[in-house]
Amino acid sequence: MAVSVLLLFLGIGGDAFSQNRSSLEKEKAKIEKEIKKLNKDLSSVRADKKLTSKQLNALNKKIKEREKLIHNINSQLGIINQEISVTQDSIRTLSGQIDSMKTEYAKIIRALYRERIYLSRLNLIYDSKDFNNRYLHRKYFREYSNYRKYQADLIVEKQNRLNDVSKTLEQQKNEQAGFLAQEVANKKQLNSEKKQKEQTIKGYDKKAQDLQAQLKTKEKQARQLQQQIQRMINEEIRKAQEAKKKQTASTGKGTKPGTSGTSSKGSSNSLSLTPQEEALSKDFQGNKGRLPWPVEKASVVREYGVYTHPSGGQVMNNGLEIQTSVGGGVRSVFQGEVSKVFTGPNQQKVVMVRHGDYITVYTDLESVAVKEGSKVTTKQRLGTVHTNDEGKAQFNFQIWKVSECQNPRHWLAK
């Protein structure tokens, strides 16, 4: 009974172990593929003899992937160790059962040997008055003999099972040894990669300093660009409010609100809108969660919100940092009017499109296909994304409701 329960546990537990192992093996293959790709990337970077942010990122990522691989191997080792423990328990239980059965079998043999002289056929013939007792005795002997054969067969069956489990244990131990060897090799490789990173930074110390300076410059430019966008939006608000004041002065004090062709809004956090602009603003608001993406092929590389810049500083990302195909075109997410086209601190173009109370911003454009004051339609091309020194076409997309930045994720189609 104990063996049956244990074997049942082995069956159920084995399935669970197998599922976990299968999942870990898939993850391991994925990590190894990523490390292989990073090796290829690093080789191409080293051939260029430059220490770039791409190289540092690749080295750091490779080290992280190597650590994940070691963790994966340790997890698989843990499962194998559990399998070995369960298998060893099974071997101990089976061995105990076989020993008990052999002891019982020996008792049966001795009992049969003692009884054999009383059960000969001649004795049964000559001792006729006790024939019935002898007949019953012989019948009992035959059944006992059959039980002996059953016990012998059961011992052989248990022994075969024990041999199978012992082979399984041997396979598990070989597998364990293989994973231990992988762990040792990967730890050695990890140490080598860490030294490689240290030597690379040390060997290119001056270039590393230049890189840090470049990163700080980019961080500064990012801050300046955000300030520049905020100034442009504030300028939009100021112009709209001045236009309203002039209109109010020309129509006289008796003009009723709503009859002048402009909205009655006038706070620093709202624009003065014409009826057409109010309708456009409501239309834009009504399409929240359904706006098309500003590029056909989009991959978000940084989400909306505060993040730590590679140089160590904290920067607020007022939109989504989006990567697209090189030479990809940027398009307006909604109909509106181009309110500003200007050059940012990094010498790349920025386009702002106004949709009533809302303004969409498209930064880091290599070229621009529209002018200030141009009316644009949904998905109309605004320009081409700039390709940076790492060969990536990235730009920042923002949505503002007057002077408050919005999370574009809430507005764009899922």
Protein backbone atom coordinates (compact mmCIF):
# COMPACT_ATOMS: atom_id res chain seq x y z
CA MET A 1 0.00 0.00 0.00
CA ALA A 2 2.82 2.39 0.92
CA VAL A 3 4.54 1.69 -2.39
CA SER A 4 1.32 2.26 -4.32
CA VAL A 5 0.82 5.62 -2.65
CA LEU A 6 4.44 6.57 -3.29
CA LEU A 7 4.23 5.52 -6.94
CA LEU A 8 1.01 7.50 -7.30
CA PHE A 9 2.81 10.49 -5.80
CA LEU A 10 5.67 9.92 -8.23
CA GLY A 11 3.22 9.92 -11.12
CA ILE A 12 1.42 13.09 -10.07
CA GLY A 13 4.56 14.86 -8.86
CA GLY A 14 6.42 13.74 -11.98
CA ASP A 15 3.86 15.45 -14.19
CA ALA A 16 4.16 18.67 -12.19
CA PHE A 17 7.97 18.47 -12.30
CA SER A 18 7.80 17.82 -16.05
CA GLN A 19 5.56 20.83 -16.65
CA ASN A 20 7.83 23.10 -14.60
CA ARG A 21 10.91 21.76 -16.36
CA SER A 22 9.31 22.27 -19.78
CA SER A 23 8.48 25.90 -18.92
CA LEU A 24 11.99 26.52 -17.61
CA GLU A 25 13.57 24.91 -20.67
CA LYS A 26 11.58 27.24 -22.96
CA GLU A 27 12.65 30.23 -20.88
CA LYS A 28 16.26 29.01 -20.94
CA ALA A 29 16.22 28.69 -24.73
CA LYS A 30 14.80 32.22 -25.00
CA ILE A 31 17.51 33.66 -22.72
CA GLU A 32 20.27 31.85 -24.61
CA LYS A 33 18.89 33.23 -27.88
CA GLU A 34 18.91 36.77 -26.43
CA ILE A 35 22.52 36.35 -25.22
CA LYS A 36 23.53 35.15 -28.68
CA LYS A 37 21.91 38.24 -30.24
CA LEU A 38 23.64 40.53 -27.73
CA ASN A 39 26.99 38.90 -28.56
CA LYS A 40 26.37 39.68 -32.20
CA ASP A 41 25.42 43.29 -31.39
CA LEU A 42 28.53 43.74 -29.25
CA SER A 43 30.76 42.35 -31.99
CA SER A 44 29.45 44.90 -34.47
CA VAL A 45 29.91 47.72 -31.94
CA ARG A 46 33.49 46.69 -31.08
CA ALA A 47 34.37 46.64 -34.77
CA ASP A 48 33.46 50.33 -34.81
CA LYS A 49 36.01 51.03 -32.03
CA LYS A 50 33.57 53.28 -30.20
CA LEU A 51 32.15 53.19 -26.70
CA THR A 52 28.53 54.17 -27.20
CA SER A 53 25.45 54.01 -25.01
CA LYS A 54 24.38 51.07 -27.19
CA GLN A 55 27.51 49.14 -26.20
CA LEU A 56 27.10 49.90 -22.51
CA ASN A 57 23.42 48.96 -22.65
CA ALA A 58 24.25 45.74 -24.49
CA LEU A 59 26.92 44.81 -21.94
CA ASN A 60 24.59 45.53 -19.02
CA LYS A 61 21.73 43.65 -20.62
CA LYS A 62 23.98 40.70 -21.44
CA ILE A 63 25.09 40.50 -17.81
CA LYS A 64 21.45 40.62 -16.65
CA GLU A 65 20.49 37.91 -19.15
CA ARG A 66 23.42 35.78 -17.98
CA GLU A 67 22.26 36.17 -14.36
CA LYS A 68 18.73 35.18 -15.42
CA LEU A 69 20.18 32.12 -17.17
CA ILE A 70 22.06 31.08 -14.02
CA HIS A 71 18.87 31.56 -11.99
CA ASN A 72 17.00 29.42 -14.53
CA ILE A 73 19.61 26.65 -14.26
CA ASN A 74 19.41 26.80 -10.46
CA SER A 75 15.63 26.46 -10.67
CA GLN A 76 15.97 23.40 -12.87
CA LEU A 77 18.59 22.01 -10.49
CA GLY A 78 16.11 22.49 -7.65
CA ILE A 79 13.49 20.48 -9.55
CA ILE A 80 16.01 17.75 -10.36
CA ASN A 81 17.06 17.61 -6.70
CA GLN A 82 13.41 17.17 -5.71
CA GLU A 83 13.01 14.45 -8.33
CA ILE A 84 16.14 12.70 -7.03
CA SER A 85 14.84 12.92 -3.45
CA VAL A 86 11.47 11.41 -4.45
CA THR A 87 13.21 8.70 -6.50
CA GLN A 88 15.52 7.84 -3.60
CA ASP A 89 12.50 7.56 -1.30
CA SER A 90 10.92 5.22 -3.84
CA ILE A 91 14.10 3.10 -3.96
CA ARG A 92 14.25 2.88 -0.16
CA THR A 93 10.58 1.88 0.03
CA LEU A 94 10.88 -0.69 -2.76
CA SER A 95 14.07 -2.12 -1.24
CA GLY A 96 12.31 -2.44 2.15
CA GLN A 97 9.35 -4.15 0.52
CA ILE A 98 11.61 -6.58 -1.36
CA ASP A 99 13.53 -7.44 1.84
CA SER A 100 10.27 -8.11 3.69
CA MET A 101 8.96 -10.23 0.83
CA LYS A 102 12.21 -12.21 0.66
CA THR A 103 12.01 -12.88 4.40
CA GLU A 104 8.41 -14.03 4.00
CA TYR A 105 9.42 -16.16 1.02
CA ALA A 106 12.16 -17.87 3.05
CA LYS A 107 9.62 -18.73 5.75
CA ILE A 108 7.35 -20.30 3.14
CA ILE A 109 10.21 -22.42 1.73
CA ARG A 110 11.18 -23.67 5.20
CA ALA A 111 7.57 -24.52 6.04
CA LEU A 112 7.13 -26.45 2.78
CA TYR A 113 10.36 -28.35 3.38
CA ARG A 114 9.23 -29.48 6.84
CA GLU A 115 5.88 -30.69 5.52
CA ARG A 116 7.10 -32.56 2.43
CA ILE A 117 7.58 -36.02 4.09
CA TYR A 118 3.97 -36.13 5.22
CA LEU A 119 2.59 -35.38 1.84
CA SER A 120 3.97 -38.17 -0.36
CA ARG A 121 1.40 -40.17 -2.34
CA LEU A 122 2.45 -43.49 -0.74
CA ASN A 123 1.76 -42.10 2.71
CA LEU A 124 -1.66 -41.06 1.60
CA ILE A 125 -2.38 -44.61 0.32
CA TYR A 126 -1.05 -46.58 3.31
CA ASP A 127 -2.40 -44.20 5.95
CA SER A 128 -6.00 -44.54 4.79
CA LYS A 129 -7.68 -43.95 8.12
CA ASP A 130 -6.22 -40.46 8.21
CA PHE A 131 -6.74 -40.00 4.48
CA ASN A 132 -9.10 -37.04 4.77
CA ASN A 133 -6.72 -35.10 6.97
CA ARG A 134 -3.85 -35.85 4.63
CA TYR A 135 -5.92 -34.81 1.64
CA LEU A 136 -6.73 -31.49 3.24
CA HIS A 137 -3.13 -31.09 4.25
CA ARG A 138 -2.00 -31.72 0.68
CA LYS A 139 -4.58 -29.24 -0.64
CA TYR A 140 -3.31 -26.66 1.82
CA PHE A 141 0.23 -27.46 0.73
CA ARG A 142 -0.70 -26.92 -2.95
CA GLU A 143 -2.29 -23.56 -2.20
CA TYR A 144 0.68 -22.59 -0.07
CA SER A 145 2.96 -23.59 -2.93
CA ASN A 146 0.93 -21.43 -5.32
CA TYR A 147 1.26 -18.56 -2.86
CA ARG A 148 5.04 -19.16 -2.87
CA LYS A 149 5.07 -18.81 -6.67
CA TYR A 150 2.97 -15.66 -6.42
CA GLN A 151 5.41 -14.23 -3.89
CA ALA A 152 8.35 -15.16 -6.11
CA ASP A 153 6.71 -13.45 -9.12
CA LEU A 154 5.91 -10.40 -7.01
CA ILE A 155 9.52 -10.20 -5.82
CA VAL A 156 10.71 -10.30 -9.45
CA GLU A 157 8.18 -7.60 -10.40
CA LYS A 158 9.27 -5.39 -7.50
CA GLN A 159 12.91 -6.00 -8.37
CA ASN A 160 12.27 -4.96 -11.99
CA ARG A 161 10.51 -1.84 -10.76
CA LEU A 162 13.46 -1.14 -8.48
CA ASN A 163 15.85 -1.53 -11.41
CA ASP A 164 13.78 0.90 -13.48
CA VAL A 165 13.67 3.46 -10.66
CA SER A 166 17.42 3.01 -10.13
CA LYS A 167 18.02 3.73 -13.82
CA THR A 168 15.81 6.82 -13.51
CA LEU A 169 17.91 7.95 -10.55
CA GLU A 170 21.09 7.46 -12.55
CA GLN A 171 19.65 9.53 -15.42
CA GLN A 172 18.57 12.25 -12.99
CA LYS A 173 22.04 12.36 -11.45
CA ASN A 174 23.63 12.60 -14.89
CA GLU A 175 21.24 15.43 -15.71
CA GLN A 176 22.10 17.08 -12.41
CA ALA A 177 25.79 16.84 -13.20
CA GLY A 178 25.14 18.39 -16.62
CA PHE A 179 23.27 21.35 -15.13
CA LEU A 180 25.93 21.82 -12.47
CA ALA A 181 28.53 21.96 -15.23
CA GLN A 182 26.38 24.54 -17.08
CA GLU A 183 26.07 26.59 -13.91
CA VAL A 184 29.84 26.58 -13.35
CA ALA A 185 30.46 27.51 -17.00
CA ASN A 186 27.90 30.33 -16.94
CA LYS A 187 29.21 31.73 -13.66
CA LYS A 188 32.68 31.72 -15.18
CA GLN A 189 31.30 33.45 -18.27
CA LEU A 190 29.45 35.98 -16.09
CA ASN A 191 32.66 36.89 -14.27
CA SER A 192 34.39 37.22 -17.62
CA GLU A 193 31.65 39.52 -18.93
CA LYS A 194 31.80 41.68 -15.80
CA LYS A 195 35.57 42.00 -16.20
CA GLN A 196 35.06 42.75 -19.86
CA LYS A 197 32.68 45.57 -18.94
CA GLU A 198 35.16 46.97 -16.39
CA GLN A 199 38.05 46.75 -18.87
CA THR A 200 35.96 48.33 -21.62
CA ILE A 201 35.01 51.28 -19.44
CA LYS A 202 38.53 51.53 -18.05
CA GLY A 203 40.16 51.25 -21.47
CA TYR A 204 37.90 53.91 -22.88
CA ASP A 205 37.77 56.07 -19.80
CA LYS A 206 37.89 59.31 -21.72
CA LYS A 207 35.24 58.13 -24.15
CA ALA A 208 33.11 56.98 -21.22
CA GLN A 209 33.34 60.48 -19.79
CA ASP A 210 32.37 61.87 -23.17
CA LEU A 211 29.42 59.49 -23.22
CA GLN A 212 28.30 60.64 -19.79
CA ALA A 213 28.59 64.22 -21.00
CA GLN A 214 26.49 63.34 -24.05
CA LEU A 215 23.87 61.71 -21.86
CA LYS A 216 23.73 64.77 -19.63
CA THR A 217 23.43 66.97 -22.70
CA LYS A 218 20.53 64.87 -23.94
CA GLU A 219 18.90 65.09 -20.51
CA LYS A 220 19.32 68.87 -20.55
CA GLN A 221 17.89 69.06 -24.06
CA ALA A 222 14.92 66.97 -22.99
CA ARG A 223 14.21 69.41 -20.14
CA GLN A 224 14.67 72.40 -22.42
CA LEU A 225 12.34 70.93 -25.02
CA GLN A 226 9.62 70.37 -22.42
CA GLN A 227 10.05 73.98 -21.26
CA GLN A 228 9.94 75.17 -24.85
CA ILE A 229 6.72 73.25 -25.53
CA GLN A 230 5.19 74.66 -22.34
CA ARG A 231 6.13 78.19 -23.42
CA MET A 232 4.56 77.64 -26.83
CA ILE A 233 1.34 76.39 -25.22
CA ASN A 234 1.29 79.37 -22.83
CA GLU A 235 1.75 81.60 -25.87
CA GLU A 236 -1.28 79.97 -27.50
CA ILE A 237 -3.34 80.70 -24.39
CA ARG A 238 -2.11 84.31 -24.25
CA LYS A 239 -2.91 84.97 -27.91
CA ALA A 240 -6.39 83.49 -27.56
CA GLN A 241 -7.13 85.60 -24.49
CA GLU A 242 -5.85 88.78 -26.17
CA ALA A 243 -8.03 88.07 -29.19
CA LYS A 244 -11.03 87.70 -26.91
CA LYS A 245 -10.27 91.00 -25.13
CA LYS A 246 -10.03 92.86 -28.44
CA GLN A 247 -13.27 91.32 -29.62
CA THR A 248 -15.00 92.21 -26.36
CA ALA A 249 -13.75 95.80 -26.60
CA SER A 250 -14.97 96.16 -30.20
CA THR A 251 -18.46 94.78 -29.50
CA GLY A 252 -19.10 96.92 -26.41
CA LYS A 253 -20.05 96.19 -22.82
CA GLY A 254 -23.62 95.25 -23.62
CA THR A 255 -22.76 92.20 -25.65
CA LYS A 256 -24.30 89.07 -24.19
CA PRO A 257 -22.09 86.08 -23.55
CA GLY A 258 -22.19 83.61 -26.40
CA THR A 259 -23.22 86.20 -29.10
CA SER A 260 -19.69 87.35 -29.92
CA GLY A 261 -18.68 84.13 -31.65
CA THR A 262 -16.27 83.11 -28.87
CA SER A 263 -16.48 80.98 -25.77
CA SER A 264 -16.91 82.70 -22.42
CA LYS A 265 -13.86 80.84 -21.09
CA GLY A 266 -11.01 83.12 -20.10
CA SER A 267 -8.97 81.51 -17.33
CA SER A 268 -5.25 80.80 -17.71
CA ASN A 269 -6.13 77.14 -18.02
CA SER A 270 -8.44 77.42 -21.01
CA LEU A 271 -8.49 78.80 -24.52
CA SER A 272 -11.09 81.18 -25.90
CA LEU A 273 -12.85 79.16 -28.56
CA THR A 274 -15.06 79.98 -31.48
CA PRO A 275 -18.18 77.84 -31.88
CA GLN A 276 -16.33 75.83 -34.57
CA GLU A 277 -13.36 75.29 -32.25
CA GLU A 278 -15.66 74.25 -29.40
CA ALA A 279 -17.26 71.65 -31.68
CA LEU A 280 -13.81 70.40 -32.73
CA SER A 281 -12.73 70.18 -29.07
CA LYS A 282 -15.83 68.14 -28.16
CA ASP A 283 -15.25 65.91 -31.18
CA PHE A 284 -11.64 65.30 -30.08
CA GLN A 285 -12.82 64.55 -26.52
CA GLY A 286 -15.44 62.16 -27.87
CA ASN A 287 -12.74 60.12 -29.63
CA LYS A 288 -10.79 59.42 -26.45
CA GLY A 289 -9.44 55.88 -26.61
CA ARG A 290 -10.03 55.69 -30.37
CA LEU A 291 -7.45 58.08 -31.84
CA PRO A 292 -5.14 56.51 -34.45
CA TRP A 293 -1.44 56.18 -33.59
CA PRO A 294 0.82 58.91 -35.00
CA VAL A 295 2.81 56.29 -36.98
CA GLU A 296 1.75 53.11 -38.74
CA LYS A 297 4.42 50.98 -37.03
CA ALA A 298 4.85 51.91 -33.38
CA SER A 299 6.85 50.46 -30.50
CA VAL A 300 6.70 52.36 -27.20
CA VAL A 301 10.20 52.57 -25.70
CA ARG A 302 9.27 54.85 -22.79
CA GLU A 303 5.91 55.37 -21.15
CA TYR A 304 4.36 58.57 -19.87
CA GLY A 305 5.62 59.72 -16.45
CA VAL A 306 8.80 60.33 -14.45
CA TYR A 307 11.82 58.18 -15.29
CA THR A 308 15.52 58.08 -14.42
CA HIS A 309 17.71 59.29 -17.27
CA PRO A 310 20.84 57.19 -18.08
CA SER A 311 22.95 60.03 -16.70
CA GLY A 312 21.19 59.61 -13.34
CA GLY A 313 18.80 62.58 -13.39
CA GLN A 314 15.02 62.46 -13.00
CA VAL A 315 13.06 63.55 -16.09
CA MET A 316 9.33 63.88 -16.65
CA ASN A 317 8.20 62.36 -19.93
CA ASN A 318 5.07 64.30 -20.88
CA GLY A 319 4.15 61.82 -23.61
CA LEU A 320 5.11 58.52 -25.19
CA GLU A 321 8.59 57.89 -26.61
CA ILE A 322 7.80 55.93 -29.77
CA GLN A 323 10.13 54.04 -32.09
CA THR A 324 9.17 53.43 -35.70
CA SER A 325 10.82 52.26 -38.91
CA VAL A 326 13.70 54.36 -40.24
CA GLY A 327 12.38 57.04 -42.55
CA GLY A 328 8.88 56.57 -41.14
CA GLY A 329 6.36 59.34 -41.52
CA VAL A 330 4.49 60.98 -38.63
CA ARG A 331 0.80 61.77 -39.09
CA SER A 332 -1.77 63.88 -37.29
CA VAL A 333 -3.98 61.86 -34.96
CA PHE A 334 -6.96 64.17 -35.56
CA GLN A 335 -8.11 67.04 -37.72
CA GLY A 336 -7.00 70.48 -36.62
CA GLU A 337 -4.71 73.41 -37.37
CA VAL A 338 -0.91 73.53 -37.22
CA SER A 339 -0.29 76.13 -34.52
CA LYS A 340 3.53 75.89 -34.26
CA VAL A 341 6.49 74.55 -36.19
CA PHE A 342 9.82 75.17 -34.45
CA THR A 343 13.30 73.76 -33.91
CA GLY A 344 14.07 72.07 -30.58
CA PRO A 345 17.32 72.19 -28.55
CA ASN A 346 18.59 69.07 -30.36
CA GLN A 347 18.12 70.86 -33.71
CA GLN A 348 15.20 68.63 -34.71
CA LYS A 349 11.82 69.97 -35.75
CA VAL A 350 8.69 70.01 -33.58
CA VAL A 351 5.09 70.30 -34.84
CA MET A 352 2.12 71.33 -32.69
CA VAL A 353 -1.44 70.79 -33.93
CA ARG A 354 -4.37 72.45 -32.18
CA HIS A 355 -7.75 70.71 -31.90
CA GLY A 356 -9.84 73.28 -30.02
CA ASP A 357 -8.90 73.00 -26.33
CA TYR A 358 -6.48 70.18 -27.15
CA ILE A 359 -2.98 70.30 -28.63
CA THR A 360 -0.97 67.35 -29.97
CA VAL A 361 2.83 67.58 -30.12
CA TYR A 362 5.22 65.66 -32.40
CA THR A 363 8.95 66.06 -31.64
CA ASP A 364 12.26 64.94 -33.21
CA LEU A 365 11.24 65.33 -36.85
CA GLU A 366 13.94 65.32 -39.53
CA SER A 367 11.69 67.11 -42.00
CA VAL A 368 8.29 68.81 -41.87
CA ALA A 369 5.56 68.64 -44.54
CA VAL A 370 3.24 71.35 -43.12
CA LYS A 371 3.35 75.03 -42.18
CA GLU A 372 1.96 77.09 -39.32
CA GLY A 373 -1.69 77.86 -39.96
CA SER A 374 -2.17 74.80 -42.21
CA LYS A 375 -5.39 72.86 -41.78
CA VAL A 376 -4.73 69.13 -41.42
CA THR A 377 -6.94 66.07 -41.52
CA THR A 378 -6.80 62.87 -39.50
CA LYS A 379 -3.77 60.75 -40.52
CA GLN A 380 -2.35 63.53 -42.71
CA ARG A 381 1.46 63.35 -42.94
CA LEU A 382 3.23 65.99 -40.84
CA GLY A 383 6.86 65.03 -41.46
CA THR A 384 9.57 62.35 -41.17
CA VAL A 385 11.07 60.99 -37.94
CA HIS A 386 14.75 61.74 -37.29
CA THR A 387 17.11 58.73 -37.09
CA ASN A 388 19.50 59.15 -34.12
CA ASP A 389 23.19 58.20 -33.85
CA GLU A 390 22.19 54.70 -32.72
CA GLY A 391 20.28 54.12 -35.93
CA LYS A 392 16.85 54.36 -34.28
CA ALA A 393 13.91 56.44 -35.50
CA GLN A 394 12.36 57.73 -32.25
CA PHE A 395 10.12 60.66 -31.46
CA ASN A 396 8.00 61.93 -28.59
CA PHE A 397 4.22 62.22 -28.93
CA GLN A 398 2.27 64.36 -26.47
CA ILE A 399 -1.35 65.38 -25.89
CA TRP A 400 -2.21 68.52 -23.92
CA LYS A 401 -5.53 69.89 -22.74
CA VAL A 402 -4.55 73.54 -22.72
CA SER A 403 -1.65 73.60 -20.20
CA GLU A 404 -2.17 70.13 -18.72
CA CYS A 405 -0.32 67.19 -20.30
CA GLN A 406 -2.30 63.98 -20.77
CA ASN A 407 -1.25 60.34 -20.88
CA PRO A 408 -1.51 59.46 -24.60
CA ARG A 409 -2.18 55.81 -23.69
CA HIS A 410 -5.66 56.87 -22.54
CA TRP A 411 -6.39 58.55 -25.88
CA LEU A 412 -4.88 56.27 -28.52
CA ALA A 413 -6.65 53.17 -29.80
CA LYS A 414 -5.70 50.02 -27.94
